[in-house]
N, C-alpha and C. Protein backbone atom coordinates (compact mmCIF):
# COMPACT_ATOMS: atom_id res chain seq x y z
N UNK A 1 -15.07 9.51 -14.55
CA UNK A 1 -16.40 9.68 -14.11
C UNK A 1 -16.34 10.02 -12.34
N UNK A 2 -16.90 11.12 -12.09
CA UNK A 2 -17.17 11.60 -10.68
C UNK A 2 -18.09 10.88 -9.81
N UNK A 3 -17.87 10.31 -8.84
CA UNK A 3 -18.91 9.65 -8.09
C UNK A 3 -19.36 10.40 -7.14
N UNK A 4 -18.69 11.17 -6.34
CA UNK A 4 -18.84 11.51 -5.06
C UNK A 4 -17.92 12.96 -4.83
N UNK A 5 -17.99 13.98 -4.11
CA UNK A 5 -17.01 14.87 -3.84
C UNK A 5 -16.66 14.87 -2.15
N UNK A 6 -15.52 15.19 -1.85
CA UNK A 6 -15.17 15.09 -0.19
C UNK A 6 -14.36 16.60 -0.20
N UNK A 7 -14.75 17.17 1.06
CA UNK A 7 -13.84 18.57 1.48
C UNK A 7 -12.74 18.08 2.19
N UNK A 8 -11.74 19.25 2.08
CA UNK A 8 -10.58 18.82 2.77
C UNK A 8 -10.71 19.88 4.10
N UNK A 9 -10.04 18.79 5.35
CA UNK A 9 -10.50 19.85 6.52
C UNK A 9 -9.10 20.43 6.86
N UNK A 10 -9.33 21.60 7.69
CA UNK A 10 -8.06 22.24 8.16
C UNK A 10 -6.92 21.31 8.29
N UNK A 11 -6.75 19.87 8.90
CA UNK A 11 -5.87 19.10 9.02
C UNK A 11 -5.45 18.49 7.66
N UNK A 12 -6.01 18.78 6.32
CA UNK A 12 -5.62 18.24 5.20
C UNK A 12 -6.17 16.94 5.13
N UNK A 13 -7.56 16.56 5.78
CA UNK A 13 -8.05 15.24 5.76
C UNK A 13 -9.07 15.30 5.05
N UNK A 14 -9.65 14.10 4.22
CA UNK A 14 -10.77 13.80 3.79
C UNK A 14 -11.48 12.74 4.53
N UNK A 15 -12.96 12.65 4.31
CA UNK A 15 -13.67 11.39 4.50
C UNK A 15 -13.85 10.58 3.09
N UNK A 16 -13.92 9.42 3.06
CA UNK A 16 -14.06 9.05 1.68
C UNK A 16 -15.68 8.66 1.81
N UNK A 17 -16.32 9.24 0.93
CA UNK A 17 -17.70 9.07 0.82
C UNK A 17 -18.29 7.35 0.80
N UNK A 18 -19.42 7.42 1.36
CA UNK A 18 -19.95 6.24 1.65
C UNK A 18 -20.06 5.24 0.12
N UNK A 19 -20.45 5.84 -1.05
CA UNK A 19 -20.85 5.38 -1.94
C UNK A 19 -19.39 4.79 -2.65
N UNK A 20 -18.43 5.46 -2.29
CA UNK A 20 -17.08 5.23 -2.63
C UNK A 20 -16.41 3.85 -2.01
N UNK A 21 -16.86 4.13 -0.43
CA UNK A 21 -16.44 3.01 0.21
C UNK A 21 -16.98 1.77 -0.20
N UNK A 22 -18.36 1.66 -0.47
CA UNK A 22 -19.21 0.57 -0.64
C UNK A 22 -18.88 -0.01 -2.26
N UNK A 23 -18.29 0.81 -3.19
CA UNK A 23 -18.16 0.56 -4.42
C UNK A 23 -16.79 -0.20 -4.59
N UNK A 24 -15.99 0.29 -3.49
CA UNK A 24 -14.37 -0.35 -3.54
C UNK A 24 -14.37 -1.48 -2.46
N UNK A 25 -15.26 -1.14 -1.59
CA UNK A 25 -15.54 -2.50 -0.56
C UNK A 25 -14.21 -1.91 0.59
N UNK A 26 -14.31 -0.54 0.94
CA UNK A 26 -13.20 -0.23 2.02
C UNK A 26 -13.77 -0.52 3.30
N UNK A 27 -13.43 -1.08 4.27
CA UNK A 27 -13.58 -1.48 5.66
C UNK A 27 -12.43 -0.62 6.49
N UNK A 28 -12.71 -0.17 7.67
CA UNK A 28 -11.96 0.30 8.66
C UNK A 28 -10.64 -0.66 8.88
N UNK A 29 -9.31 0.01 8.76
CA UNK A 29 -8.34 -1.05 8.93
C UNK A 29 -7.43 -1.38 7.51
N UNK A 30 -8.29 -0.99 6.51
CA UNK A 30 -7.58 -1.36 5.47
C UNK A 30 -6.73 -0.32 5.11
N UNK A 31 -5.69 -0.98 4.01
CA UNK A 31 -4.87 0.29 3.33
C UNK A 31 -5.09 0.80 2.23
N UNK A 32 -5.21 1.97 2.02
CA UNK A 32 -5.49 2.83 0.64
C UNK A 32 -4.27 3.38 0.04
N UNK A 33 -3.95 3.32 -1.01
CA UNK A 33 -2.79 4.02 -1.79
C UNK A 33 -3.21 4.84 -2.85
N UNK A 34 -2.63 6.37 -2.46
CA UNK A 34 -2.85 7.52 -3.31
C UNK A 34 -1.78 7.33 -4.42
N UNK A 35 -2.04 7.40 -5.72
CA UNK A 35 -1.15 7.57 -6.60
C UNK A 35 -1.55 8.47 -7.52
N UNK A 36 -0.70 9.38 -8.14
CA UNK A 36 -0.69 10.45 -9.30
C UNK A 36 -0.52 9.79 -10.48
N UNK A 37 -1.80 10.53 -11.30
CA UNK A 37 -1.58 10.13 -12.82
C UNK A 37 -1.96 11.18 -13.54
N UNK A 38 -1.11 12.02 -13.94
CA UNK A 38 -1.38 13.01 -14.60
C UNK A 38 -1.45 14.08 -13.47
N UNK A 39 -2.58 14.55 -13.66
CA UNK A 39 -3.13 15.66 -12.64
C UNK A 39 -4.39 15.18 -11.64
N UNK A 40 -4.45 13.84 -11.94
CA UNK A 40 -5.42 13.14 -10.99
C UNK A 40 -4.92 12.33 -10.00
N UNK A 41 -5.66 12.29 -9.07
CA UNK A 41 -5.25 11.27 -7.71
C UNK A 41 -6.18 9.94 -7.90
N UNK A 42 -5.25 8.65 -7.60
CA UNK A 42 -6.25 7.65 -8.05
C UNK A 42 -6.07 6.86 -6.53
N UNK A 43 -7.15 6.34 -5.99
CA UNK A 43 -7.30 5.89 -4.81
C UNK A 43 -7.59 3.96 -5.27
N UNK A 44 -6.54 3.36 -4.48
CA UNK A 44 -6.66 2.12 -4.38
C UNK A 44 -6.74 1.34 -3.20
N UNK A 45 -7.29 0.12 -3.13
CA UNK A 45 -7.60 -0.24 -1.71
C UNK A 45 -6.86 -1.68 -1.84
N UNK A 46 -6.19 -1.93 -0.48
CA UNK A 46 -5.54 -3.00 -0.10
C UNK A 46 -6.27 -3.64 1.25
N UNK A 47 -7.01 -4.51 1.16
CA UNK A 47 -7.87 -5.12 2.37
C UNK A 47 -6.92 -5.55 3.51
N UNK A 48 -7.39 -5.38 4.83
CA UNK A 48 -6.05 -5.83 5.81
C UNK A 48 -5.23 -4.72 6.32
N UNK A 49 -4.06 -5.38 7.05
CA UNK A 49 -3.16 -4.34 7.37
C UNK A 49 -1.94 -4.30 6.50
N UNK A 50 -1.14 -3.32 6.77
CA UNK A 50 0.16 -2.79 6.08
C UNK A 50 1.17 -4.14 6.03
N UNK A 51 1.09 -5.00 6.87
CA UNK A 51 1.79 -6.42 6.97
C UNK A 51 1.00 -7.30 5.96
N UNK A 52 -0.09 -7.36 6.07
CA UNK A 52 -1.00 -8.81 5.17
C UNK A 52 -0.67 -7.95 3.82
N UNK A 53 -0.80 -6.60 3.50
CA UNK A 53 -0.84 -6.08 2.31
C UNK A 53 0.67 -6.49 1.53
N UNK A 54 1.55 -6.37 2.39
CA UNK A 54 3.29 -6.55 1.46
C UNK A 54 3.83 -7.71 1.95
N UNK A 55 2.99 -8.89 2.73
CA UNK A 55 3.57 -10.14 2.76
C UNK A 55 3.81 -10.69 1.63
N UNK A 56 5.42 -11.09 1.67
CA UNK A 56 5.82 -11.82 0.48
C UNK A 56 6.44 -10.86 -0.88
N UNK A 57 6.18 -9.44 -0.56
CA UNK A 57 6.67 -8.58 -1.18
C UNK A 57 8.34 -8.69 -1.57
N UNK A 58 9.24 -9.03 -2.55
CA UNK A 58 10.40 -9.04 -2.60
C UNK A 58 10.97 -10.46 -2.69
N UNK A 59 9.74 -11.62 -2.19
CA UNK A 59 10.24 -12.61 -2.34
C UNK A 59 10.94 -13.46 -3.03
N UNK A 60 10.78 -13.15 -4.54
CA UNK A 60 11.47 -13.92 -5.40
C UNK A 60 12.94 -13.24 -5.81
N UNK A 61 12.98 -11.85 -5.23
CA UNK A 61 14.42 -11.19 -5.45
C UNK A 61 15.01 -11.91 -4.33
N UNK A 62 14.58 -12.01 -3.19
CA UNK A 62 15.29 -12.66 -1.88
C UNK A 62 15.80 -14.08 -2.04
N UNK A 63 14.81 -14.89 -2.78
CA UNK A 63 15.50 -16.29 -3.30
C UNK A 63 16.63 -16.03 -4.54
N UNK A 64 16.49 -15.30 -5.56
CA UNK A 64 17.33 -14.88 -6.55
C UNK A 64 18.82 -14.63 -5.82
N UNK A 65 18.69 -13.99 -4.69
CA UNK A 65 20.01 -13.45 -4.21
C UNK A 65 20.49 -14.58 -3.35
N UNK A 66 19.78 -15.80 -2.96
CA UNK A 66 20.49 -16.78 -2.18
C UNK A 66 19.92 -16.72 -0.89
N UNK A 67 18.99 -16.27 -0.45
CA UNK A 67 18.27 -16.14 0.87
C UNK A 67 19.15 -16.00 2.23
N UNK A 68 18.69 -16.71 2.93
CA UNK A 68 19.70 -16.66 4.35
C UNK A 68 21.31 -16.94 4.15
N UNK A 69 21.29 -17.78 2.85
CA UNK A 69 22.83 -18.14 2.76
C UNK A 69 23.44 -16.55 2.34
N UNK A 70 22.95 -15.88 1.48
CA UNK A 70 23.54 -14.51 1.31
C UNK A 70 23.71 -13.65 2.11
N UNK A 71 22.90 -13.75 3.37
CA UNK A 71 23.19 -13.05 4.70
C UNK A 71 24.37 -13.47 5.30
N UNK A 72 24.47 -14.86 5.53
CA UNK A 72 25.61 -15.28 5.97
C UNK A 72 26.95 -15.02 5.21
N UNK A 73 26.94 -14.89 4.05
CA UNK A 73 28.16 -14.42 2.90
C UNK A 73 28.12 -13.12 3.30
N UNK A 74 27.51 -12.27 3.27
CA UNK A 74 27.26 -10.84 3.75
C UNK A 74 28.35 -10.91 5.26
N UNK A 75 27.69 -11.28 6.09
CA UNK A 75 28.10 -11.39 7.51
C UNK A 75 29.90 -11.79 7.39
N UNK A 76 30.12 -12.89 6.75
CA UNK A 76 31.56 -13.51 6.76
C UNK A 76 32.44 -12.30 6.01
N UNK A 77 31.96 -11.62 5.33
CA UNK A 77 32.58 -10.64 4.55
C UNK A 77 32.97 -9.54 5.45
N UNK A 78 32.30 -9.04 6.94
CA UNK A 78 32.71 -8.23 7.74
C UNK A 78 33.97 -8.37 8.56
N UNK A 79 34.41 -9.80 8.58
CA UNK A 79 35.38 -10.29 9.36
C UNK A 79 36.73 -9.67 8.67
């Protein structure tokens, strides 16, 4: 379903149309992700900063590898 259209500028930028911003709740400073699904681009929104959006990412892996102990083990192996 096409909601709106946007024109690409000479710098290859687009403005997200107001109706799309409202429906997705996009605000200044939000991080948006563009992904390809076949021949279509999908825009996803993550409110807040990049830091806020990625906080905790990989925490399970970090704990599974031993956290700070794993770093100490690695540092010890350098000697």
